[in-house]
Amino acid sequence: MGARETARRDRVDEVMDGWRAELPEAATVHLEIVKRTGRLKSLVEEVTQGVLGEYGLTYAEFDVLATLRRAGAPYRLKPSRLASRSSLTTGGTSNILQRLTAAGLVEREPDPDDGRSSWVRLTDRGARRAEELALATGEAHAELLAGVPDETARALADLLREVLLTLGDRSGPARGPA
């Protein structure tokens, strides 16, 4: 570790010091990556949940609202597509849709072309709420990362994309049929 790295240490450095002293072969760059991305995830989740708590929503509920809003007008998707575009399972999505329907944020519409299928659509209130939440969480993330220089943030985002692509986390078409 150089002089610059010695002066600037984070919690993961402490973890790595312990492994270097006790089991050096465990002190890999891979562990540093996992620990630092996990720590960053925790910090982001903490500020995100703080915002969502003010609205009485969970992250999963926000994920559904945001996924529908990102789908574009008329802000609707089939339940299976909604689950695949969000970070939820089909069963988990069903439970969340029941809560969001009861809150008047989404509604289910029968599919006139397929009597066995339905659409999930944001209500006007749900679309407004999704927009409010997207802006509020974005502001909270910007505040969290305010001390990170723009060029560092851009470089990190690009590097993380490369890692995810290397791991096979590829995107499907930007906008396919709903």
C-alpha atoms as a PDB file:
ATOM      1  CA  MET A   1       0.000   0.000   0.000  1.00  0.00           C
ATOM      2  CA  GLY A   2       1.434   3.402  -0.981  1.00  0.00           C
ATOM      3  CA  ALA A   3       1.538   6.537   1.165  1.00  0.00           C
ATOM      4  CA  ARG A   4      -1.635   7.887  -0.447  1.00  0.00           C
ATOM      5  CA  GLU A   5      -3.583   4.719   0.318  1.00  0.00           C
ATOM      6  CA  THR A   6      -2.261   4.638   3.899  1.00  0.00           C
ATOM      7  CA  ALA A   7      -3.564   8.136   4.607  1.00  0.00           C
ATOM      8  CA  ARG A   8      -7.029   7.402   3.192  1.00  0.00           C
ATOM      9  CA  ARG A   9      -8.550   4.263   4.657  1.00  0.00           C
ATOM     10  CA  ASP A  10     -12.093   2.962   4.782  1.00  0.00           C
ATOM     11  CA  ARG A  11     -13.750   0.222   6.812  1.00  0.00           C
ATOM     12  CA  VAL A  12     -12.840  -2.382   4.216  1.00  0.00           C
ATOM     13  CA  ASP A  13      -9.151  -1.606   4.733  1.00  0.00           C
ATOM     14  CA  GLU A  14      -9.596  -2.698   8.359  1.00  0.00           C
ATOM     15  CA  VAL A  15     -11.220  -5.956   7.233  1.00  0.00           C
ATOM     16  CA  MET A  16      -8.396  -6.571   4.770  1.00  0.00           C
ATOM     17  CA  ASP A  17      -5.750  -5.858   7.433  1.00  0.00           C
ATOM     18  CA  GLY A  18      -7.288  -8.555   9.604  1.00  0.00           C
ATOM     19  CA  TRP A  19      -7.264 -11.091   6.789  1.00  0.00           C
ATOM     20  CA  ARG A  20      -3.701 -10.190   5.778  1.00  0.00           C
ATOM     21  CA  ALA A  21      -2.594 -10.835   9.368  1.00  0.00           C
ATOM     22  CA  GLU A  22      -4.642 -14.015   9.940  1.00  0.00           C
ATOM     23  CA  LEU A  23      -5.157 -15.665   6.557  1.00  0.00           C
ATOM     24  CA  PRO A  24      -3.268 -13.778   3.841  1.00  0.00           C
ATOM     25  CA  GLU A  25      -4.602 -15.960   1.015  1.00  0.00           C
ATOM     26  CA  ALA A  26      -8.128 -14.694   1.828  1.00  0.00           C
ATOM     27  CA  ALA A  27      -7.052 -11.047   1.436  1.00  0.00           C
ATOM     28  CA  THR A  28      -7.730 -10.812  -2.297  1.00  0.00           C
ATOM     29  CA  VAL A  29      -8.750  -7.943  -4.515  1.00  0.00           C
ATOM     30  CA  HIS A  30     -11.932  -9.920  -5.133  1.00  0.00           C
ATOM     31  CA  LEU A  31     -12.806  -9.709  -1.445  1.00  0.00           C
ATOM     32  CA  GLU A  32     -12.133  -5.953  -1.512  1.00  0.00           C
ATOM     33  CA  ILE A  33     -14.493  -5.560  -4.479  1.00  0.00           C
ATOM     34  CA  VAL A  34     -17.228  -7.582  -2.784  1.00  0.00           C
ATOM     35  CA  LYS A  35     -16.851  -5.766   0.530  1.00  0.00           C
ATOM     36  CA  ARG A  36     -16.744  -2.280  -1.022  1.00  0.00           C
ATOM     37  CA  THR A  37     -19.701  -2.849  -3.338  1.00  0.00           C
ATOM     38  CA  GLY A  38     -21.615  -4.342  -0.414  1.00  0.00           C
ATOM     39  CA  ARG A  39     -20.795  -1.329   1.753  1.00  0.00           C
ATOM     40  CA  LEU A  40     -21.842   1.076  -1.002  1.00  0.00           C
ATOM     41  CA  LYS A  41     -25.078  -0.881  -1.475  1.00  0.00           C
ATOM     42  CA  SER A  42     -25.810  -0.575   2.255  1.00  0.00           C
ATOM     43  CA  LEU A  43     -25.251   3.187   2.244  1.00  0.00           C
ATOM     44  CA  VAL A  44     -27.463   3.668  -0.815  1.00  0.00           C
ATOM     45  CA  GLU A  45     -30.205   1.449   0.607  1.00  0.00           C
ATOM     46  CA  GLU A  46     -30.136   3.390   3.869  1.00  0.00           C
ATOM     47  CA  VAL A  47     -30.782   6.764   2.221  1.00  0.00           C
ATOM     48  CA  THR A  48     -33.273   5.263  -0.237  1.00  0.00           C
ATOM     49  CA  GLN A  49     -35.257   3.623   2.552  1.00  0.00           C
ATOM     50  CA  GLY A  50     -35.236   6.908   4.451  1.00  0.00           C
ATOM     51  CA  VAL A  51     -37.018   8.601   1.562  1.00  0.00           C
ATOM     52  CA  LEU A  52     -39.408   5.715   0.925  1.00  0.00           C
ATOM     53  CA  GLY A  53     -40.298   5.545   4.614  1.00  0.00           C
ATOM     54  CA  GLU A  54     -41.549   9.117   4.430  1.00  0.00           C
ATOM     55  CA  TYR A  55     -44.019   7.917   1.789  1.00  0.00           C
ATOM     56  CA  GLY A  56     -44.919   4.729   3.664  1.00  0.00           C
ATOM     57  CA  LEU A  57     -43.585   2.482   0.911  1.00  0.00           C
ATOM     58  CA  THR A  58     -41.077  -0.345   0.764  1.00  0.00           C
ATOM     59  CA  TYR A  59     -38.269  -0.588  -1.764  1.00  0.00           C
ATOM     60  CA  ALA A  60     -40.121  -3.410  -3.538  1.00  0.00           C
ATOM     61  CA  GLU A  61     -43.249  -1.261  -3.880  1.00  0.00           C
ATOM     62  CA  PHE A  62     -41.164   1.614  -5.235  1.00  0.00           C
ATOM     63  CA  ASP A  63     -39.465  -0.782  -7.655  1.00  0.00           C
ATOM     64  CA  VAL A  64     -42.846  -1.783  -9.112  1.00  0.00           C
ATOM     65  CA  LEU A  65     -44.022   1.832  -9.417  1.00  0.00           C
ATOM     66  CA  ALA A  66     -40.723   2.903 -11.003  1.00  0.00           C
ATOM     67  CA  THR A  67     -40.704  -0.040 -13.414  1.00  0.00           C
ATOM     68  CA  LEU A  68     -44.201   0.819 -14.609  1.00  0.00           C
ATOM     69  CA  ARG A  69     -43.324   4.522 -14.943  1.00  0.00           C
ATOM     70  CA  ARG A  70     -40.153   3.726 -16.919  1.00  0.00           C
ATOM     71  CA  ALA A  71     -42.220   1.606 -19.302  1.00  0.00           C
ATOM     72  CA  GLY A  72     -43.656   4.807 -20.761  1.00  0.00           C
ATOM     73  CA  ALA A  73     -47.248   5.808 -21.414  1.00  0.00           C
ATOM     74  CA  PRO A  74     -49.722   4.245 -20.797  1.00  0.00           C
ATOM     75  CA  TYR A  75     -47.511   2.986 -17.891  1.00  0.00           C
ATOM     76  CA  ARG A  76     -48.624  -0.598 -18.061  1.00  0.00           C
ATOM     77  CA  LEU A  77     -47.035  -4.030 -18.319  1.00  0.00           C
ATOM     78  CA  LYS A  78     -48.088  -7.658 -18.117  1.00  0.00           C
ATOM     79  CA  PRO A  79     -47.409  -9.048 -14.627  1.00  0.00           C
ATOM     80  CA  SER A  80     -44.718 -11.439 -15.922  1.00  0.00           C
ATOM     81  CA  ARG A  81     -42.921  -8.621 -17.756  1.00  0.00           C
ATOM     82  CA  LEU A  82     -43.206  -6.404 -14.690  1.00  0.00           C
ATOM     83  CA  ALA A  83     -41.532  -9.093 -12.571  1.00  0.00           C
ATOM     84  CA  SER A  84     -38.726  -9.606 -15.101  1.00  0.00           C
ATOM     85  CA  ARG A  85     -38.042  -5.868 -15.442  1.00  0.00           C
ATOM     86  CA  SER A  86     -37.995  -5.312 -11.691  1.00  0.00           C
ATOM     87  CA  SER A  87     -35.913  -7.100  -9.102  1.00  0.00           C
ATOM     88  CA  LEU A  88     -38.817  -9.222  -7.877  1.00  0.00           C
ATOM     89  CA  THR A  89     -40.133 -12.747  -8.239  1.00  0.00           C
ATOM     90  CA  THR A  90     -43.525 -13.363  -9.799  1.00  0.00           C
ATOM     91  CA  GLY A  91     -44.976 -14.354  -6.410  1.00  0.00           C
ATOM     92  CA  GLY A  92     -43.483 -11.332  -4.695  1.00  0.00           C
ATOM     93  CA  THR A  93     -44.837  -9.080  -7.410  1.00  0.00           C
ATOM     94  CA  SER A  94     -48.344 -10.448  -6.872  1.00  0.00           C
ATOM     95  CA  ASN A  95     -48.287  -9.559  -3.160  1.00  0.00           C
ATOM     96  CA  ILE A  96     -46.946  -6.086  -3.861  1.00  0.00           C
ATOM     97  CA  LEU A  97     -49.566  -5.487  -6.552  1.00  0.00           C
ATOM     98  CA  GLN A  98     -52.302  -6.278  -4.041  1.00  0.00           C
ATOM     99  CA  ARG A  99     -50.936  -3.625  -1.653  1.00  0.00           C
ATOM    100  CA  LEU A 100     -50.436  -1.036  -4.408  1.00  0.00           C
ATOM    101  CA  THR A 101     -53.927  -1.700  -5.775  1.00  0.00           C
ATOM    102  CA  ALA A 102     -55.419  -1.212  -2.305  1.00  0.00           C
ATOM    103  CA  ALA A 103     -53.483   2.079  -2.053  1.00  0.00           C
ATOM    104  CA  GLY A 104     -54.936   3.247  -5.392  1.00  0.00           C
ATOM    105  CA  LEU A 105     -51.519   3.439  -7.093  1.00  0.00           C
ATOM    106  CA  VAL A 106     -52.011   0.653  -9.649  1.00  0.00           C
ATOM    107  CA  GLU A 107     -54.931  -1.151 -11.195  1.00  0.00           C
ATOM    108  CA  ARG A 108     -55.346  -4.360 -13.117  1.00  0.00           C
ATOM    109  CA  GLU A 109     -57.068  -4.344 -16.470  1.00  0.00           C
ATOM    110  CA  PRO A 110     -58.198  -7.407 -18.400  1.00  0.00           C
ATOM    111  CA  ASP A 111     -56.375  -8.002 -21.675  1.00  0.00           C
ATOM    112  CA  PRO A 112     -59.035  -7.774 -24.398  1.00  0.00           C
ATOM    113  CA  ASP A 113     -56.850  -9.933 -26.683  1.00  0.00           C
ATOM    114  CA  ASP A 114     -56.281 -12.692 -24.109  1.00  0.00           C
ATOM    115  CA  GLY A 115     -58.983 -13.520 -21.570  1.00  0.00           C
ATOM    116  CA  ARG A 116     -56.436 -15.391 -19.394  1.00  0.00           C
ATOM    117  CA  SER A 117     -54.160 -12.384 -19.067  1.00  0.00           C
ATOM    118  CA  SER A 118     -54.242  -8.900 -17.610  1.00  0.00           C
ATOM    119  CA  TRP A 119     -52.316  -5.663 -17.580  1.00  0.00           C
ATOM    120  CA  VAL A 120     -50.983  -3.810 -14.555  1.00  0.00           C
ATOM    121  CA  ARG A 121     -51.264  -0.051 -15.007  1.00  0.00           C
ATOM    122  CA  LEU A 122     -50.302   2.939 -12.919  1.00  0.00           C
ATOM    123  CA  THR A 123     -53.222   5.096 -11.926  1.00  0.00           C
ATOM    124  CA  ASP A 124     -52.763   8.843 -12.361  1.00  0.00           C
ATOM    125  CA  ARG A 125     -51.997   9.008  -8.650  1.00  0.00           C
ATOM    126  CA  GLY A 126     -49.519   6.130  -9.026  1.00  0.00           C
ATOM    127  CA  ALA A 127     -47.732   7.862 -11.908  1.00  0.00           C
ATOM    128  CA  ARG A 128     -47.407  11.055  -9.852  1.00  0.00           C
ATOM    129  CA  ARG A 129     -46.146   9.082  -6.857  1.00  0.00           C
ATOM    130  CA  ALA A 130     -43.597   7.201  -9.002  1.00  0.00           C
ATOM    131  CA  GLU A 131     -42.292  10.514 -10.360  1.00  0.00           C
ATOM    132  CA  GLU A 132     -42.099  12.063  -6.872  1.00  0.00           C
ATOM    133  CA  LEU A 133     -40.231   9.047  -5.552  1.00  0.00           C
ATOM    134  CA  ALA A 134     -37.833   8.880  -8.487  1.00  0.00           C
ATOM    135  CA  LEU A 135     -36.924  12.539  -7.994  1.00  0.00           C
ATOM    136  CA  ALA A 136     -36.752  12.300  -4.190  1.00  0.00           C
ATOM    137  CA  THR A 137     -34.555   9.188  -4.190  1.00  0.00           C
ATOM    138  CA  GLY A 138     -32.391  10.700  -6.923  1.00  0.00           C
ATOM    139  CA  GLU A 139     -31.898  13.778  -4.766  1.00  0.00           C
ATOM    140  CA  ALA A 140     -31.011  11.611  -1.754  1.00  0.00           C
ATOM    141  CA  HIS A 141     -28.475   9.673  -3.845  1.00  0.00           C
ATOM    142  CA  ALA A 142     -26.975  12.926  -5.134  1.00  0.00           C
ATOM    143  CA  GLU A 143     -26.621  14.188  -1.558  1.00  0.00           C
ATOM    144  CA  LEU A 144     -24.997  10.916  -0.492  1.00  0.00           C
ATOM    145  CA  LEU A 145     -22.494  11.067  -3.342  1.00  0.00           C
ATOM    146  CA  ALA A 146     -22.025  14.859  -3.363  1.00  0.00           C
ATOM    147  CA  GLY A 147     -18.401  14.592  -2.238  1.00  0.00           C
ATOM    148  CA  VAL A 148     -17.464  12.268  -5.090  1.00  0.00           C
ATOM    149  CA  PRO A 149     -16.030  14.245  -8.019  1.00  0.00           C
ATOM    150  CA  ASP A 150     -18.098  13.938 -11.207  1.00  0.00           C
ATOM    151  CA  GLU A 151     -15.252  12.340 -13.156  1.00  0.00           C
ATOM    152  CA  THR A 152     -14.736   9.749 -10.408  1.00  0.00           C
ATOM    153  CA  ALA A 153     -18.460   8.949 -10.335  1.00  0.00           C
ATOM    154  CA  ARG A 154     -18.557   8.557 -14.136  1.00  0.00           C
ATOM    155  CA  ALA A 155     -15.447   6.360 -14.106  1.00  0.00           C
ATOM    156  CA  LEU A 156     -16.907   4.180 -11.343  1.00  0.00           C
ATOM    157  CA  ALA A 157     -20.219   3.801 -13.190  1.00  0.00           C
ATOM    158  CA  ASP A 158     -18.369   2.785 -16.361  1.00  0.00           C
ATOM    159  CA  LEU A 159     -16.093   0.348 -14.515  1.00  0.00           C
ATOM    160  CA  LEU A 160     -19.027  -1.270 -12.737  1.00  0.00           C
ATOM    161  CA  ARG A 161     -20.796  -1.681 -16.100  1.00  0.00           C
ATOM    162  CA  GLU A 162     -17.719  -3.476 -17.464  1.00  0.00           C
ATOM    163  CA  VAL A 163     -17.610  -5.802 -14.457  1.00  0.00           C
ATOM    164  CA  LEU A 164     -21.325  -6.597 -14.750  1.00  0.00           C
ATOM    165  CA  LEU A 165     -21.055  -7.233 -18.489  1.00  0.00           C
ATOM    166  CA  THR A 166     -18.076  -9.516 -17.873  1.00  0.00           C
ATOM    167  CA  LEU A 167     -20.216 -11.420 -15.374  1.00  0.00           C
ATOM    168  CA  GLY A 168     -22.928 -11.853 -18.036  1.00  0.00           C
ATOM    169  CA  ASP A 169     -25.387  -9.271 -16.693  1.00  0.00           C
ATOM    170  CA  ARG A 170     -26.573  -8.083 -20.066  1.00  0.00           C
ATOM    171  CA  SER A 171     -29.592  -5.973 -20.870  1.00  0.00           C
ATOM    172  CA  GLY A 172     -32.371  -7.062 -23.149  1.00  0.00           C
ATOM    173  CA  PRO A 173     -33.857  -4.764 -25.751  1.00  0.00           C
ATOM    174  CA  ALA A 174     -34.316  -1.209 -24.452  1.00  0.00           C
ATOM    175  CA  ARG A 175     -38.027  -1.278 -25.136  1.00  0.00           C
ATOM    176  CA  GLY A 176     -39.726  -4.400 -26.335  1.00  0.00           C
ATOM    177  CA  PRO A 177     -43.390  -5.135 -26.665  1.00  0.00           C
ATOM    178  CA  ALA A 178     -45.180  -4.935 -23.341  1.00  0.00           C
END
